[in-house]
C-alpha cells in the first residue's frame, strides 16, 4: 500500500497513541478532493479484511492487482448494520455503496 500513499498530498502518520485508532495515514487524495481523510490501509489476510466500528479512519482502502478501491467507512458501517451482516464481498460493496473511488495503479 506504500504506492497508495503516493496518491496523497499533505501526508501525516499517526502518533503512537493514534495507532490504536485503526488508521494508517492521513492525507488529501490528489486531483480528487481538497479534504483531508484518515485511511485504513491494512492489507487483506486470507482474502479478508477486518474492520472495527470504533475506528477513527474515514476511508478504507482495498487493493487488487491493478487498482485501489476507496470505501467510505461510515457508509460501510451503515450498510453492515442495516443488512445485519458481518461479511461482504468487495464487488458487492462497490455496487451497493454510493461513495467509493476506484483508482488505477500506475
Protein backbone atom coordinates (compact mmCIF):
# COMPACT_ATOMS: atom_id res chain seq x y z
CA UNK A 1 0.00 0.00 0.00
CA UNK A 2 3.01 2.26 0.00
CA UNK A 3 2.26 3.24 -3.59
CA UNK A 4 -1.24 4.37 -2.49
CA UNK A 5 0.46 6.93 -0.25
CA UNK A 6 1.96 8.43 -3.43
CA UNK A 7 -1.59 9.40 -4.45
CA UNK A 8 -1.86 11.65 -1.38
CA UNK A 9 -0.66 15.12 -0.51
CA UNK A 10 -0.32 16.73 2.95
CA UNK A 11 0.57 13.32 4.39
CA UNK A 12 0.56 12.71 8.14
CA UNK A 13 1.11 9.47 10.02
CA UNK A 14 -0.49 8.54 13.34
CA UNK A 15 1.34 9.04 16.59
CA UNK A 16 1.93 6.01 18.79
CA UNK A 17 -1.30 6.81 20.68
CA UNK A 18 -3.29 7.34 17.47
CA UNK A 19 -2.24 3.93 16.05
CA UNK A 20 -4.78 2.40 18.43
CA UNK A 21 -7.49 4.28 16.48
CA UNK A 22 -7.07 1.94 13.49
CA UNK A 23 -5.89 4.36 10.82
CA UNK A 24 -2.58 4.30 8.95
CA UNK A 25 -2.16 7.59 7.09
CA UNK A 26 -3.94 10.93 6.77
CA UNK A 27 -3.87 12.98 3.60
CA UNK A 28 -5.65 14.55 0.66
CA UNK A 29 -6.30 12.48 -2.48
CA UNK A 30 -4.51 14.35 -5.27
CA UNK A 31 -6.85 15.60 -8.02
CA UNK A 32 -9.85 14.02 -6.25
CA UNK A 33 -10.56 16.04 -3.14
CA UNK A 34 -9.46 19.00 -1.10
CA UNK A 35 -10.48 17.32 2.15
CA UNK A 36 -8.02 15.50 4.40
CA UNK A 37 -9.07 11.98 5.35
CA UNK A 38 -7.68 9.24 7.57
CA UNK A 39 -7.19 5.98 5.67
CA UNK A 40 -7.16 2.38 6.87
CA UNK A 41 -4.55 0.70 4.65
CA UNK A 42 -4.33 -2.69 6.32
CA UNK A 43 -3.82 -5.42 3.70
CA UNK A 44 -6.09 -8.37 3.05
CA UNK A 45 -5.35 -11.51 5.06
CA UNK A 46 -6.67 -14.80 3.70
CA UNK A 47 -8.67 -12.78 1.16
CA UNK A 48 -10.41 -10.91 4.02
CA UNK A 49 -10.11 -7.56 5.69
CA UNK A 50 -11.33 -6.95 9.22
CA UNK A 51 -12.66 -3.62 10.37
CA UNK A 52 -13.71 -2.06 13.64
CA UNK A 53 -16.76 0.05 14.40
CA UNK A 54 -14.61 2.14 16.76
CA UNK A 55 -12.13 3.14 14.05
CA UNK A 56 -11.25 6.80 13.59
CA UNK A 57 -10.45 6.18 9.91
CA UNK A 58 -12.66 7.93 7.37
CA UNK A 59 -11.92 5.65 4.42
CA UNK A 60 -10.86 2.03 3.96
CA UNK A 61 -8.59 1.15 1.06
CA UNK A 62 -8.64 -2.20 -0.73
CA UNK A 63 -6.04 -3.21 -3.27
CA UNK A 64 -6.11 -5.69 -6.12
CA UNK A 65 -3.70 -6.28 -9.00
CA UNK A 66 -4.39 -3.08 -10.90
CA UNK A 67 -6.50 -0.74 -8.76
CA UNK A 68 -7.23 0.72 -5.36
CA UNK A 69 -10.81 0.84 -4.11
CA UNK A 70 -11.52 3.52 -1.51
CA UNK A 71 -14.70 2.99 0.53
CA UNK A 72 -16.34 5.37 2.99
CA UNK A 73 -16.25 3.74 6.43
CA UNK A 74 -19.36 5.44 7.79
CA UNK A 75 -21.40 4.25 4.81
CA UNK A 76 -19.85 0.78 5.09
CA UNK A 77 -20.80 0.55 8.77
CA UNK A 78 -24.35 1.70 7.99
CA UNK A 79 -24.65 -0.91 5.23
CA UNK A 80 -23.45 -3.69 7.54
CA UNK A 81 -25.85 -2.66 10.31
CA UNK A 82 -28.88 -2.23 8.03
CA UNK A 83 -28.33 -5.61 6.40
CA UNK A 84 -27.33 -7.31 9.66
CA UNK A 85 -24.23 -8.83 8.12
CA UNK A 86 -20.62 -9.14 9.19
CA UNK A 87 -19.07 -10.27 5.91
CA UNK A 88 -19.43 -8.78 2.47
CA UNK A 89 -17.65 -9.20 -0.85
CA UNK A 90 -15.73 -6.24 -2.22
CA UNK A 91 -17.59 -6.27 -5.55
CA UNK A 92 -20.87 -6.09 -3.61
CA UNK A 93 -19.62 -3.02 -1.76
CA UNK A 94 -18.63 -1.33 -4.99
CA UNK A 95 -22.11 -1.85 -6.44
CA UNK A 96 -24.15 -1.20 -3.27
CA UNK A 97 -22.40 1.79 -1.69
CA UNK A 98 -22.86 5.28 -3.09
CA UNK A 99 -19.45 6.59 -2.04
CA UNK A 100 -16.42 4.81 -3.40
CA UNK A 101 -13.49 5.78 -5.57
CA UNK A 102 -11.66 3.38 -7.84
CA UNK A 103 -8.12 4.48 -8.66
CA UNK A 104 -5.95 2.70 -11.21
CA UNK A 105 -2.47 1.72 -10.20
CA UNK A 106 0.27 3.37 -12.19
